[in-house]
C-alpha cells in the first residue's frame, strides 16, 4: 500500500506534554538518557519530500504512527509518500521499496524496518545512504549509516512490563504463576529485543516462563497463537501479548470453560488495549506514544535537512498504563 499526502502549512505549533529523552550516546539504548526540550519548528523552508517505509498497516499501532506523521507533515508544509511492506516477513519487498525511494526525487527516507540486523537490509541501507539520508523510526535498526533515529528501547519496554507483572503478584501467597508470551516474529526489529527485556524484568522466582509464541503482528495471526496459549486452561496463568494478541485474549478468555481466567498484559498500547484497561480485562500495558513518534520523525527529518538537528536520537519516555493510570489519547493512540 502507498499513501500520498501533500499538505499546506499551519502556523499553530503543537504543545508536547510528554517527556522526551535523548541518549548520551546516539543509537545506543544502553547509554544514559536525559530529558530534552523540543521547540517545534513553525514551517519548513521548502516543500521537502519524505519517503516513508513501514512494516505494515494491519493494526492500530502503525495507524497511530501514521496519524502523528501526517499531522506534523501538514503543519510544516511538507509532502510524503507512505509505503507498507505487507508484514514483518516481507523483507525483500521492503528492500525494493528502499531502493525505489532512493531512485525517486525524495529528500530523505524515513524507515520503520522489518528487521534490526538482516545483512541484505543493512547492505541496502549502506548503499542508498551515500545519496540520501536515512532516518530510522519505531523499530530497532543496527545500521551505522543512519543519519537519525526516533525510537524507544523495546528492551526497556519489556523490562518495565516485567517489573509491573512482578509488582502485581499477590503478596499473601507463594503460588507459582506460568507466563505465556505471544509476540511478533523473531525476524522483526522489536519482538526478540522486547522478549529479552521482559525476561530480565521478571525478577520473581514465582514466575515460570512457559510458551513463547510468535506470528506476524496482525489480529488474525496473533489470535491463532493466543488460542494455543489458552488451550492448557491452567491456573495462575499470565498471558503477555502484543496489542493484537491482548485484544484476542480478551475475547478468548470469555469463551474458554476454565475455572480461572488468565491475567492479560500487553507489550504495547492501542485503542483496544485502552478499552481493556478501562474494563479491567487487561492489567497493564507499556506505552511508547506511537502518535508522538510519528510526529517526531517528521520533525527530525526536517531538522536534519535544514541543518537544525539538535539530537541524533530521541524518543518519548516509556510509561506503564494500568486501569488506574491511562494516558491521554493525544500522543498515545489515534482516536476514533
C-alpha atoms as a PDB file:
ATOM      1  CA  UNK A   1       0.000   0.000   0.000  1.00  0.00           C
ATOM      2  CA  UNK A   2       1.204   3.529  -0.743  1.00  0.00           C
ATOM      3  CA  UNK A   3      -0.356   6.682   0.677  1.00  0.00           C
ATOM      4  CA  UNK A   4       0.488  10.045  -0.891  1.00  0.00           C
ATOM      5  CA  UNK A   5      -0.119  13.140   1.208  1.00  0.00           C
ATOM      6  CA  UNK A   6       0.606  16.756   0.306  1.00  0.00           C
ATOM      7  CA  UNK A   7      -0.342  19.443   2.809  1.00  0.00           C
ATOM      8  CA  UNK A   8      -0.386  23.201   3.204  1.00  0.00           C
ATOM      9  CA  UNK A   9       1.421  24.821   6.150  1.00  0.00           C
ATOM     10  CA  UNK A  10      -0.104  25.557   9.542  1.00  0.00           C
ATOM     11  CA  UNK A  11       1.199  28.286  11.840  1.00  0.00           C
ATOM     12  CA  UNK A  12      -0.093  26.676  15.033  1.00  0.00           C
ATOM     13  CA  UNK A  13       2.645  24.897  16.977  1.00  0.00           C
ATOM     14  CA  UNK A  14       1.989  21.731  18.929  1.00  0.00           C
ATOM     15  CA  UNK A  15       2.454  21.619  22.655  1.00  0.00           C
ATOM     16  CA  UNK A  16       4.316  18.473  23.677  1.00  0.00           C
ATOM     17  CA  UNK A  17       3.237  17.403  27.150  1.00  0.00           C
ATOM     18  CA  UNK A  18       5.039  14.047  27.101  1.00  0.00           C
ATOM     19  CA  UNK A  19       8.596  13.665  28.396  1.00  0.00           C
ATOM     20  CA  UNK A  20      11.125  13.241  25.581  1.00  0.00           C
ATOM     21  CA  UNK A  21      14.502  11.647  26.155  1.00  0.00           C
ATOM     22  CA  UNK A  22      17.803  11.615  24.288  1.00  0.00           C
ATOM     23  CA  UNK A  23      20.602   9.127  24.852  1.00  0.00           C
ATOM     24  CA  UNK A  24      24.045  10.427  25.694  1.00  0.00           C
ATOM     25  CA  UNK A  25      25.481   8.095  23.075  1.00  0.00           C
ATOM     26  CA  UNK A  26      23.268   8.246  19.965  1.00  0.00           C
ATOM     27  CA  UNK A  27      21.943   4.923  18.666  1.00  0.00           C
ATOM     28  CA  UNK A  28      22.974   3.177  21.884  1.00  0.00           C
ATOM     29  CA  UNK A  29      19.981   2.382  24.072  1.00  0.00           C
ATOM     30  CA  UNK A  30      22.274   1.180  26.854  1.00  0.00           C
ATOM     31  CA  UNK A  31      23.699   4.673  27.343  1.00  0.00           C
ATOM     32  CA  UNK A  32      22.182   7.053  29.932  1.00  0.00           C
ATOM     33  CA  UNK A  33      19.264   9.270  28.966  1.00  0.00           C
ATOM     34  CA  UNK A  34      18.398  12.853  29.774  1.00  0.00           C
ATOM     35  CA  UNK A  35      15.162  14.761  29.354  1.00  0.00           C
ATOM     36  CA  UNK A  36      15.225  17.207  26.439  1.00  0.00           C
ATOM     37  CA  UNK A  37      13.006  20.052  25.350  1.00  0.00           C
ATOM     38  CA  UNK A  38      11.833  20.301  21.746  1.00  0.00           C
ATOM     39  CA  UNK A  39      10.619  23.651  20.413  1.00  0.00           C
ATOM     40  CA  UNK A  40       8.570  22.676  17.344  1.00  0.00           C
ATOM     41  CA  UNK A  41       9.518  24.197  14.025  1.00  0.00           C
ATOM     42  CA  UNK A  42       6.978  26.688  12.683  1.00  0.00           C
ATOM     43  CA  UNK A  43       7.314  25.849   8.979  1.00  0.00           C
ATOM     44  CA  UNK A  44       9.730  24.052   6.684  1.00  0.00           C
ATOM     45  CA  UNK A  45      11.815  26.304   4.447  1.00  0.00           C
ATOM     46  CA  UNK A  46      10.627  24.344   1.394  1.00  0.00           C
ATOM     47  CA  UNK A  47       8.292  21.523   0.444  1.00  0.00           C
ATOM     48  CA  UNK A  48      10.618  18.693   1.318  1.00  0.00           C
ATOM     49  CA  UNK A  49       9.648  15.221   0.104  1.00  0.00           C
ATOM     50  CA  UNK A  50       9.901  12.301   2.520  1.00  0.00           C
ATOM     51  CA  UNK A  51       9.683   8.643   1.520  1.00  0.00           C
ATOM     52  CA  UNK A  52       8.307   6.633   4.435  1.00  0.00           C
ATOM     53  CA  UNK A  53       8.545   2.850   4.742  1.00  0.00           C
ATOM     54  CA  UNK A  54       6.812   0.794   7.439  1.00  0.00           C
ATOM     55  CA  UNK A  55       6.357  -2.949   8.011  1.00  0.00           C
ATOM     56  CA  UNK A  56       2.556  -2.940   7.667  1.00  0.00           C
ATOM     57  CA  UNK A  57      -0.674  -1.075   8.412  1.00  0.00           C
ATOM     58  CA  UNK A  58      -2.512  -4.070   9.863  1.00  0.00           C
ATOM     59  CA  UNK A  59      -3.002  -2.833  13.415  1.00  0.00           C
ATOM     60  CA  UNK A  60      -3.877   0.309  15.328  1.00  0.00           C
ATOM     61  CA  UNK A  61      -0.271   0.927  16.328  1.00  0.00           C
ATOM     62  CA  UNK A  62       1.002   1.807  12.866  1.00  0.00           C
ATOM     63  CA  UNK A  63      -2.218   3.669  12.085  1.00  0.00           C
ATOM     64  CA  UNK A  64      -1.428   5.808  15.127  1.00  0.00           C
ATOM     65  CA  UNK A  65       2.129   6.361  13.897  1.00  0.00           C
ATOM     66  CA  UNK A  66       0.749   7.450  10.531  1.00  0.00           C
ATOM     67  CA  UNK A  67      -1.651   9.848  12.234  1.00  0.00           C
ATOM     68  CA  UNK A  68       1.154  11.640  14.063  1.00  0.00           C
ATOM     69  CA  UNK A  69       3.333  11.719  10.969  1.00  0.00           C
ATOM     70  CA  UNK A  70       0.531  13.116   8.812  1.00  0.00           C
ATOM     71  CA  UNK A  71      -0.357  15.783  11.379  1.00  0.00           C
ATOM     72  CA  UNK A  72       3.222  17.063  11.611  1.00  0.00           C
ATOM     73  CA  UNK A  73       3.778  16.991   7.849  1.00  0.00           C
ATOM     74  CA  UNK A  74       0.647  19.103   7.373  1.00  0.00           C
ATOM     75  CA  UNK A  75       1.766  21.632   9.982  1.00  0.00           C
ATOM     76  CA  UNK A  76       5.212  22.020   8.427  1.00  0.00           C
ATOM     77  CA  UNK A  77       4.003  22.030   4.827  1.00  0.00           C
ATOM     78  CA  UNK A  78       5.972  19.040   3.551  1.00  0.00           C
ATOM     79  CA  UNK A  79       4.930  16.085   1.407  1.00  0.00           C
ATOM     80  CA  UNK A  80       5.445  12.386   1.868  1.00  0.00           C
ATOM     81  CA  UNK A  81       4.696   9.028   0.320  1.00  0.00           C
ATOM     82  CA  UNK A  82       3.864   6.155   2.662  1.00  0.00           C
ATOM     83  CA  UNK A  83       4.683   2.546   1.752  1.00  0.00           C
ATOM     84  CA  UNK A  84       3.998  -0.653   3.679  1.00  0.00           C
ATOM     85  CA  UNK A  85       5.912  -3.883   3.153  1.00  0.00           C
ATOM     86  CA  UNK A  86       2.897  -6.043   3.964  1.00  0.00           C
ATOM     87  CA  UNK A  87       4.272  -7.640   7.125  1.00  0.00           C
ATOM     88  CA  UNK A  88       7.444  -8.413   9.043  1.00  0.00           C
ATOM     89  CA  UNK A  89       8.223 -11.371   6.792  1.00  0.00           C
ATOM     90  CA  UNK A  90       8.270  -9.218   3.649  1.00  0.00           C
ATOM     91  CA  UNK A  91      11.970  -8.336   3.794  1.00  0.00           C
ATOM     92  CA  UNK A  92      12.575  -8.478   0.041  1.00  0.00           C
ATOM     93  CA  UNK A  93       9.682  -6.137  -0.618  1.00  0.00           C
ATOM     94  CA  UNK A  94      10.962  -3.550   1.858  1.00  0.00           C
ATOM     95  CA  UNK A  95      14.437  -3.720   0.326  1.00  0.00           C
ATOM     96  CA  UNK A  96      12.930  -3.000  -3.105  1.00  0.00           C
ATOM     97  CA  UNK A  97      10.940  -0.122  -1.632  1.00  0.00           C
ATOM     98  CA  UNK A  98      14.088   1.407  -0.130  1.00  0.00           C
ATOM     99  CA  UNK A  99      15.842   1.177  -3.483  1.00  0.00           C
ATOM    100  CA  UNK A 100      12.856   2.746  -5.228  1.00  0.00           C
ATOM    101  CA  UNK A 101      12.758   5.613  -2.723  1.00  0.00           C
ATOM    102  CA  UNK A 102      16.424   6.330  -3.410  1.00  0.00           C
ATOM    103  CA  UNK A 103      15.822   6.377  -7.156  1.00  0.00           C
ATOM    104  CA  UNK A 104      12.903   8.789  -6.936  1.00  0.00           C
ATOM    105  CA  UNK A 105      13.002  12.521  -6.247  1.00  0.00           C
ATOM    106  CA  UNK A 106      12.835  12.411  -2.434  1.00  0.00           C
ATOM    107  CA  UNK A 107      14.905  14.318   0.075  1.00  0.00           C
ATOM    108  CA  UNK A 108      15.036  11.704   2.855  1.00  0.00           C
ATOM    109  CA  UNK A 109      13.955   8.162   3.699  1.00  0.00           C
ATOM    110  CA  UNK A 110      12.142   7.527   6.988  1.00  0.00           C
ATOM    111  CA  UNK A 111      12.334   3.814   7.709  1.00  0.00           C
ATOM    112  CA  UNK A 112      10.383   1.595  10.073  1.00  0.00           C
ATOM    113  CA  UNK A 113      12.467  -1.507   9.410  1.00  0.00           C
ATOM    114  CA  UNK A 114      11.134  -5.054   9.281  1.00  0.00           C
ATOM    115  CA  UNK A 115      14.427  -6.340  10.730  1.00  0.00           C
ATOM    116  CA  UNK A 116      17.077  -4.936  13.056  1.00  0.00           C
ATOM    117  CA  UNK A 117      20.118  -6.602  11.562  1.00  0.00           C
ATOM    118  CA  UNK A 118      19.380  -8.586   8.406  1.00  0.00           C
ATOM    119  CA  UNK A 119      22.527  -8.426   6.299  1.00  0.00           C
ATOM    120  CA  UNK A 120      20.761  -7.751   2.991  1.00  0.00           C
ATOM    121  CA  UNK A 121      18.742  -4.920   4.540  1.00  0.00           C
ATOM    122  CA  UNK A 122      21.833  -3.369   6.125  1.00  0.00           C
ATOM    123  CA  UNK A 123      23.713  -3.601   2.823  1.00  0.00           C
ATOM    124  CA  UNK A 124      20.870  -1.810   1.043  1.00  0.00           C
ATOM    125  CA  UNK A 125      20.828   0.985   3.617  1.00  0.00           C
ATOM    126  CA  UNK A 126      24.588   1.377   3.311  1.00  0.00           C
ATOM    127  CA  UNK A 127      24.233   1.663  -0.455  1.00  0.00           C
ATOM    128  CA  UNK A 128      21.442   4.256  -0.528  1.00  0.00           C
ATOM    129  CA  UNK A 129      22.681   6.323   2.440  1.00  0.00           C
ATOM    130  CA  UNK A 130      25.514   7.659   0.310  1.00  0.00           C
ATOM    131  CA  UNK A 131      22.990   9.599  -1.777  1.00  0.00           C
ATOM    132  CA  UNK A 132      20.009  10.192   0.539  1.00  0.00           C
ATOM    133  CA  UNK A 133      19.773  10.449   4.349  1.00  0.00           C
ATOM    134  CA  UNK A 134      18.040   7.572   6.130  1.00  0.00           C
ATOM    135  CA  UNK A 135      16.167   8.155   9.389  1.00  0.00           C
ATOM    136  CA  UNK A 136      15.061   5.122  11.401  1.00  0.00           C
ATOM    137  CA  UNK A 137      11.908   5.211  13.467  1.00  0.00           C
ATOM    138  CA  UNK A 138       9.962   2.958  15.818  1.00  0.00           C
ATOM    139  CA  UNK A 139      11.831  -0.323  15.245  1.00  0.00           C
ATOM    140  CA  UNK A 140      15.435  -1.082  16.097  1.00  0.00           C
ATOM    141  CA  UNK A 141      17.885  -0.933  13.183  1.00  0.00           C
ATOM    142  CA  UNK A 142      21.608  -1.564  13.576  1.00  0.00           C
ATOM    143  CA  UNK A 143      22.823   0.422  10.578  1.00  0.00           C
ATOM    144  CA  UNK A 144      25.823   2.718  11.218  1.00  0.00           C
ATOM    145  CA  UNK A 145      24.916   4.808   8.168  1.00  0.00           C
ATOM    146  CA  UNK A 146      21.739   6.182   9.761  1.00  0.00           C
ATOM    147  CA  UNK A 147      21.508   9.959   9.964  1.00  0.00           C
ATOM    148  CA  UNK A 148      18.987   9.977  12.822  1.00  0.00           C
ATOM    149  CA  UNK A 149      16.627   7.802  14.831  1.00  0.00           C
ATOM    150  CA  UNK A 150      13.296   8.337  16.577  1.00  0.00           C
ATOM    151  CA  UNK A 151      12.536   5.365  18.794  1.00  0.00           C
ATOM    152  CA  UNK A 152      12.354   3.941  22.292  1.00  0.00           C
ATOM    153  CA  UNK A 153      14.130   0.892  23.617  1.00  0.00           C
ATOM    154  CA  UNK A 154      12.000  -2.196  23.038  1.00  0.00           C
ATOM    155  CA  UNK A 155      14.184  -3.943  25.581  1.00  0.00           C
ATOM    156  CA  UNK A 156      13.209  -1.325  28.159  1.00  0.00           C
ATOM    157  CA  UNK A 157       9.561  -1.758  27.122  1.00  0.00           C
ATOM    158  CA  UNK A 158       9.756  -5.440  28.005  1.00  0.00           C
ATOM    159  CA  UNK A 159      11.705  -4.869  31.194  1.00  0.00           C
ATOM    160  CA  UNK A 160       9.224  -2.319  32.557  1.00  0.00           C
ATOM    161  CA  UNK A 161       6.310  -4.637  31.816  1.00  0.00           C
ATOM    162  CA  UNK A 162       8.125  -7.471  33.555  1.00  0.00           C
ATOM    163  CA  UNK A 163       8.584  -5.311  36.638  1.00  0.00           C
ATOM    164  CA  UNK A 164       4.856  -4.469  36.594  1.00  0.00           C
ATOM    165  CA  UNK A 165       3.889  -8.147  36.387  1.00  0.00           C
ATOM    166  CA  UNK A 166       6.057  -8.910  39.398  1.00  0.00           C
ATOM    167  CA  UNK A 167       4.575  -5.940  41.260  1.00  0.00           C
ATOM    168  CA  UNK A 168       1.052  -7.257  40.585  1.00  0.00           C
ATOM    169  CA  UNK A 169       1.699 -10.694  42.084  1.00  0.00           C
ATOM    170  CA  UNK A 170      -0.453 -11.392  45.161  1.00  0.00           C
ATOM    171  CA  UNK A 171       1.586 -10.907  48.322  1.00  0.00           C
ATOM    172  CA  UNK A 172      -0.463 -13.237  50.513  1.00  0.00           C
ATOM    173  CA  UNK A 173       0.557 -16.441  48.739  1.00  0.00           C
ATOM    174  CA  UNK A 174       3.652 -18.228  47.449  1.00  0.00           C
ATOM    175  CA  UNK A 175       1.866 -19.759  44.467  1.00  0.00           C
ATOM    176  CA  UNK A 176       3.748 -20.177  41.191  1.00  0.00           C
ATOM    177  CA  UNK A 177       2.499 -18.417  38.047  1.00  0.00           C
ATOM    178  CA  UNK A 178       3.093 -19.613  34.485  1.00  0.00           C
ATOM    179  CA  UNK A 179       3.653 -16.994  31.809  1.00  0.00           C
ATOM    180  CA  UNK A 180       2.977 -17.367  28.080  1.00  0.00           C
ATOM    181  CA  UNK A 181       4.261 -14.797  25.586  1.00  0.00           C
ATOM    182  CA  UNK A 182       2.554 -14.135  22.230  1.00  0.00           C
ATOM    183  CA  UNK A 183       4.649 -11.723  20.221  1.00  0.00           C
ATOM    184  CA  UNK A 184       5.827 -10.715  16.757  1.00  0.00           C
ATOM    185  CA  UNK A 185       8.220 -12.644  14.517  1.00  0.00           C
ATOM    186  CA  UNK A 186      11.727 -13.334  15.742  1.00  0.00           C
ATOM    187  CA  UNK A 187      12.964 -11.750  12.479  1.00  0.00           C
ATOM    188  CA  UNK A 188      11.455  -8.376  13.416  1.00  0.00           C
ATOM    189  CA  UNK A 189      13.259  -5.365  14.825  1.00  0.00           C
ATOM    190  CA  UNK A 190      11.328  -5.414  18.098  1.00  0.00           C
ATOM    191  CA  UNK A 191       9.922  -8.769  19.234  1.00  0.00           C
ATOM    192  CA  UNK A 192      13.117 -10.632  20.256  1.00  0.00           C
ATOM    193  CA  UNK A 193      14.501  -7.442  21.808  1.00  0.00           C
ATOM    194  CA  UNK A 194      11.336  -6.958  23.847  1.00  0.00           C
ATOM    195  CA  UNK A 195      11.367 -10.591  24.999  1.00  0.00           C
ATOM    196  CA  UNK A 196      14.924 -10.221  26.274  1.00  0.00           C
ATOM    197  CA  UNK A 197      13.870  -7.202  28.318  1.00  0.00           C
ATOM    198  CA  UNK A 198      10.751  -8.958  29.595  1.00  0.00           C
ATOM    199  CA  UNK A 199      12.758 -11.926  30.844  1.00  0.00           C
ATOM    200  CA  UNK A 200      15.137  -9.594  32.647  1.00  0.00           C
ATOM    201  CA  UNK A 201      12.250  -7.729  34.236  1.00  0.00           C
ATOM    202  CA  UNK A 202      10.609 -10.902  35.581  1.00  0.00           C
ATOM    203  CA  UNK A 203      12.712 -10.964  38.721  1.00  0.00           C
ATOM    204  CA  UNK A 204      10.382 -13.112  40.839  1.00  0.00           C
ATOM    205  CA  UNK A 205      11.119 -16.793  41.368  1.00  0.00           C
ATOM    206  CA  UNK A 206       7.339 -17.305  41.473  1.00  0.00           C
ATOM    207  CA  UNK A 207       7.041 -16.810  37.687  1.00  0.00           C
ATOM    208  CA  UNK A 208       7.854 -19.609  35.255  1.00  0.00           C
ATOM    209  CA  UNK A 209       8.333 -18.557  31.640  1.00  0.00           C
ATOM    210  CA  UNK A 210       6.464 -21.084  29.506  1.00  0.00           C
ATOM    211  CA  UNK A 211       5.347 -20.806  25.895  1.00  0.00           C
ATOM    212  CA  UNK A 212       6.917 -18.203  23.633  1.00  0.00           C
ATOM    213  CA  UNK A 213       4.750 -17.988  20.506  1.00  0.00           C
ATOM    214  CA  UNK A 214       5.275 -15.757  17.517  1.00  0.00           C
ATOM    215  CA  UNK A 215       3.452 -14.619  14.385  1.00  0.00           C
ATOM    216  CA  UNK A 216       3.127 -11.559  12.194  1.00  0.00           C
ATOM    217  CA  UNK A 217       1.510  -8.893  14.341  1.00  0.00           C
ATOM    218  CA  UNK A 218      -1.943  -8.664  12.781  1.00  0.00           C
ATOM    219  CA  UNK A 219      -5.054  -9.699  14.697  1.00  0.00           C
ATOM    220  CA  UNK A 220      -5.743 -12.935  12.787  1.00  0.00           C
ATOM    221  CA  UNK A 221      -2.277 -14.439  13.158  1.00  0.00           C
ATOM    222  CA  UNK A 222      -1.931 -13.320  16.756  1.00  0.00           C
ATOM    223  CA  UNK A 223      -5.386 -14.762  17.549  1.00  0.00           C
ATOM    224  CA  UNK A 224      -4.257 -18.198  16.356  1.00  0.00           C
ATOM    225  CA  UNK A 225      -1.261 -18.083  18.699  1.00  0.00           C
ATOM    226  CA  UNK A 226      -3.359 -16.919  21.657  1.00  0.00           C
ATOM    227  CA  UNK A 227      -5.632 -19.932  21.088  1.00  0.00           C
ATOM    228  CA  UNK A 228      -2.606 -22.150  21.703  1.00  0.00           C
ATOM    229  CA  UNK A 229      -1.671 -20.213  24.819  1.00  0.00           C
ATOM    230  CA  UNK A 230      -5.090 -20.512  26.477  1.00  0.00           C
ATOM    231  CA  UNK A 231      -5.707 -24.138  25.461  1.00  0.00           C
ATOM    232  CA  UNK A 232      -3.985 -25.562  28.543  1.00  0.00           C
ATOM    233  CA  UNK A 233      -6.611 -23.978  30.785  1.00  0.00           C
ATOM    234  CA  UNK A 234      -4.079 -23.902  33.619  1.00  0.00           C
ATOM    235  CA  UNK A 235      -4.487 -21.981  36.874  1.00  0.00           C
ATOM    236  CA  UNK A 236      -2.290 -18.982  37.703  1.00  0.00           C
ATOM    237  CA  UNK A 237      -1.747 -18.274  34.026  1.00  0.00           C
ATOM    238  CA  UNK A 238      -0.379 -14.959  32.742  1.00  0.00           C
ATOM    239  CA  UNK A 239      -0.613 -14.085  29.047  1.00  0.00           C
ATOM    240  CA  UNK A 240       1.698 -11.355  27.793  1.00  0.00           C
ATOM    241  CA  UNK A 241       0.989 -10.364  24.227  1.00  0.00           C
ATOM    242  CA  UNK A 242       1.296  -7.742  21.554  1.00  0.00           C
ATOM    243  CA  UNK A 243      -1.650  -5.352  21.361  1.00  0.00           C
ATOM    244  CA  UNK A 244      -3.496  -7.571  18.832  1.00  0.00           C
ATOM    245  CA  UNK A 245      -2.744 -10.633  20.979  1.00  0.00           C
ATOM    246  CA  UNK A 246      -4.039  -8.914  24.107  1.00  0.00           C
ATOM    247  CA  UNK A 247      -7.181  -7.946  22.205  1.00  0.00           C
ATOM    248  CA  UNK A 248      -7.622 -11.544  21.062  1.00  0.00           C
ATOM    249  CA  UNK A 249      -7.035 -12.830  24.580  1.00  0.00           C
ATOM    250  CA  UNK A 250      -9.833 -10.632  25.925  1.00  0.00           C
ATOM    251  CA  UNK A 251     -12.235 -12.361  23.542  1.00  0.00           C
ATOM    252  CA  UNK A 252     -10.935 -15.881  24.050  1.00  0.00           C
ATOM    253  CA  UNK A 253     -10.869 -15.933  27.846  1.00  0.00           C
ATOM    254  CA  UNK A 254     -14.621 -15.309  27.855  1.00  0.00           C
ATOM    255  CA  UNK A 255     -15.133 -18.471  25.831  1.00  0.00           C
ATOM    256  CA  UNK A 256     -12.835 -20.995  27.499  1.00  0.00           C
ATOM    257  CA  UNK A 257     -14.541 -23.172  30.152  1.00  0.00           C
ATOM    258  CA  UNK A 258     -11.753 -22.744  32.697  1.00  0.00           C
ATOM    259  CA  UNK A 259     -12.333 -22.289  36.427  1.00  0.00           C
ATOM    260  CA  UNK A 260      -9.763 -19.475  36.450  1.00  0.00           C
ATOM    261  CA  UNK A 261      -9.069 -16.985  33.686  1.00  0.00           C
ATOM    262  CA  UNK A 262      -5.593 -15.886  32.569  1.00  0.00           C
ATOM    263  CA  UNK A 263      -4.318 -12.458  33.519  1.00  0.00           C
ATOM    264  CA  UNK A 264      -3.597 -10.375  30.409  1.00  0.00           C
ATOM    265  CA  UNK A 265      -0.770  -7.883  29.822  1.00  0.00           C
ATOM    266  CA  UNK A 266       0.057  -6.020  26.602  1.00  0.00           C
ATOM    267  CA  UNK A 267       3.550  -5.206  25.408  1.00  0.00           C
ATOM    268  CA  UNK A 268       2.346  -2.023  23.698  1.00  0.00           C
ATOM    269  CA  UNK A 269      -0.670   0.249  23.516  1.00  0.00           C
ATOM    270  CA  UNK A 270      -3.700   0.548  21.228  1.00  0.00           C
ATOM    271  CA  UNK A 271      -7.334   1.612  21.415  1.00  0.00           C
ATOM    272  CA  UNK A 272      -8.371  -1.980  22.088  1.00  0.00           C
ATOM    273  CA  UNK A 273      -5.810  -2.193  24.881  1.00  0.00           C
ATOM    274  CA  UNK A 274      -7.108   1.073  26.306  1.00  0.00           C
ATOM    275  CA  UNK A 275     -10.621  -0.384  26.413  1.00  0.00           C
ATOM    276  CA  UNK A 276      -9.255  -3.496  28.070  1.00  0.00           C
ATOM    277  CA  UNK A 277      -7.530  -1.450  30.737  1.00  0.00           C
ATOM    278  CA  UNK A 278     -10.654   0.564  31.435  1.00  0.00           C
ATOM    279  CA  UNK A 279     -12.729  -2.583  31.831  1.00  0.00           C
ATOM    280  CA  UNK A 280     -10.087  -4.272  33.972  1.00  0.00           C
ATOM    281  CA  UNK A 281      -9.610  -7.105  31.474  1.00  0.00           C
ATOM    282  CA  UNK A 282      -6.018  -6.044  30.827  1.00  0.00           C
ATOM    283  CA  UNK A 283      -3.857  -5.469  33.878  1.00  0.00           C
ATOM    284  CA  UNK A 284      -1.135  -3.303  32.339  1.00  0.00           C
ATOM    285  CA  UNK A 285       0.496  -2.232  29.083  1.00  0.00           C
ATOM    286  CA  UNK A 286       3.613  -0.307  28.161  1.00  0.00           C
ATOM    287  CA  UNK A 287       3.085   2.953  26.286  1.00  0.00           C
ATOM    288  CA  UNK A 288       5.639   4.335  23.834  1.00  0.00           C
ATOM    289  CA  UNK A 289       3.434   7.105  22.413  1.00  0.00           C
ATOM    290  CA  UNK A 290       3.104   5.939  18.819  1.00  0.00           C
ATOM    291  CA  UNK A 291       1.407   9.154  17.624  1.00  0.00           C
ATOM    292  CA  UNK A 292       4.217  11.270  19.050  1.00  0.00           C
ATOM    293  CA  UNK A 293       6.890   9.067  17.499  1.00  0.00           C
ATOM    294  CA  UNK A 294       5.337   9.623  14.076  1.00  0.00           C
ATOM    295  CA  UNK A 295       5.207  13.360  14.818  1.00  0.00           C
ATOM    296  CA  UNK A 296       8.835  13.431  15.946  1.00  0.00           C
ATOM    297  CA  UNK A 297      10.006  11.537  12.868  1.00  0.00           C
ATOM    298  CA  UNK A 298       8.843  14.385  10.631  1.00  0.00           C
ATOM    299  CA  UNK A 299      10.383  16.974  12.939  1.00  0.00           C
ATOM    300  CA  UNK A 300      13.709  15.127  12.936  1.00  0.00           C
ATOM    301  CA  UNK A 301      13.722  14.705   9.172  1.00  0.00           C
ATOM    302  CA  UNK A 302      13.122  18.391   8.508  1.00  0.00           C
ATOM    303  CA  UNK A 303      15.636  19.486  11.132  1.00  0.00           C
ATOM    304  CA  UNK A 304      18.195  17.181   9.536  1.00  0.00           C
ATOM    305  CA  UNK A 305      17.529  18.527   6.029  1.00  0.00           C
ATOM    306  CA  UNK A 306      17.680  22.128   7.206  1.00  0.00           C
ATOM    307  CA  UNK A 307      20.774  21.747   9.395  1.00  0.00           C
ATOM    308  CA  UNK A 308      18.902  22.318  12.669  1.00  0.00           C
ATOM    309  CA  UNK A 309      19.024  18.850  14.228  1.00  0.00           C
ATOM    310  CA  UNK A 310      19.793  19.019  17.963  1.00  0.00           C
ATOM    311  CA  UNK A 311      19.775  15.328  18.857  1.00  0.00           C
ATOM    312  CA  UNK A 312      20.715  12.427  16.596  1.00  0.00           C
ATOM    313  CA  UNK A 313      18.387  10.106  18.521  1.00  0.00           C
ATOM    314  CA  UNK A 314      15.382  10.820  20.688  1.00  0.00           C
ATOM    315  CA  UNK A 315      12.046   9.365  21.704  1.00  0.00           C
ATOM    316  CA  UNK A 316       9.266   9.559  24.286  1.00  0.00           C
ATOM    317  CA  UNK A 317       9.792   8.300  27.799  1.00  0.00           C
ATOM    318  CA  UNK A 318       8.166   4.875  28.152  1.00  0.00           C
ATOM    319  CA  UNK A 319       5.318   4.641  30.647  1.00  0.00           C
ATOM    320  CA  UNK A 320       3.251   1.804  32.071  1.00  0.00           C
ATOM    321  CA  UNK A 321      -0.523   2.122  31.774  1.00  0.00           C
ATOM    322  CA  UNK A 322      -2.806   0.405  34.290  1.00  0.00           C
ATOM    323  CA  UNK A 323      -6.562   0.567  34.879  1.00  0.00           C
ATOM    324  CA  UNK A 324      -5.870   3.413  37.299  1.00  0.00           C
ATOM    325  CA  UNK A 325      -3.408   5.242  35.071  1.00  0.00           C
ATOM    326  CA  UNK A 326      -4.377   5.576  31.409  1.00  0.00           C
ATOM    327  CA  UNK A 327      -2.578   8.108  29.187  1.00  0.00           C
ATOM    328  CA  UNK A 328      -4.306  10.814  27.236  1.00  0.00           C
ATOM    329  CA  UNK A 329      -5.034   9.800  23.643  1.00  0.00           C
ATOM    330  CA  UNK A 330      -3.385  12.837  22.042  1.00  0.00           C
ATOM    331  CA  UNK A 331       0.091  11.365  21.739  1.00  0.00           C
ATOM    332  CA  UNK A 332      -0.516   7.718  22.635  1.00  0.00           C
ATOM    333  CA  UNK A 333      -3.010   6.359  20.113  1.00  0.00           C
ATOM    334  CA  UNK A 334      -5.229   7.589  17.311  1.00  0.00           C
ATOM    335  CA  UNK A 335      -8.725   8.494  18.472  1.00  0.00           C
ATOM    336  CA  UNK A 336     -11.871   7.465  16.644  1.00  0.00           C
END
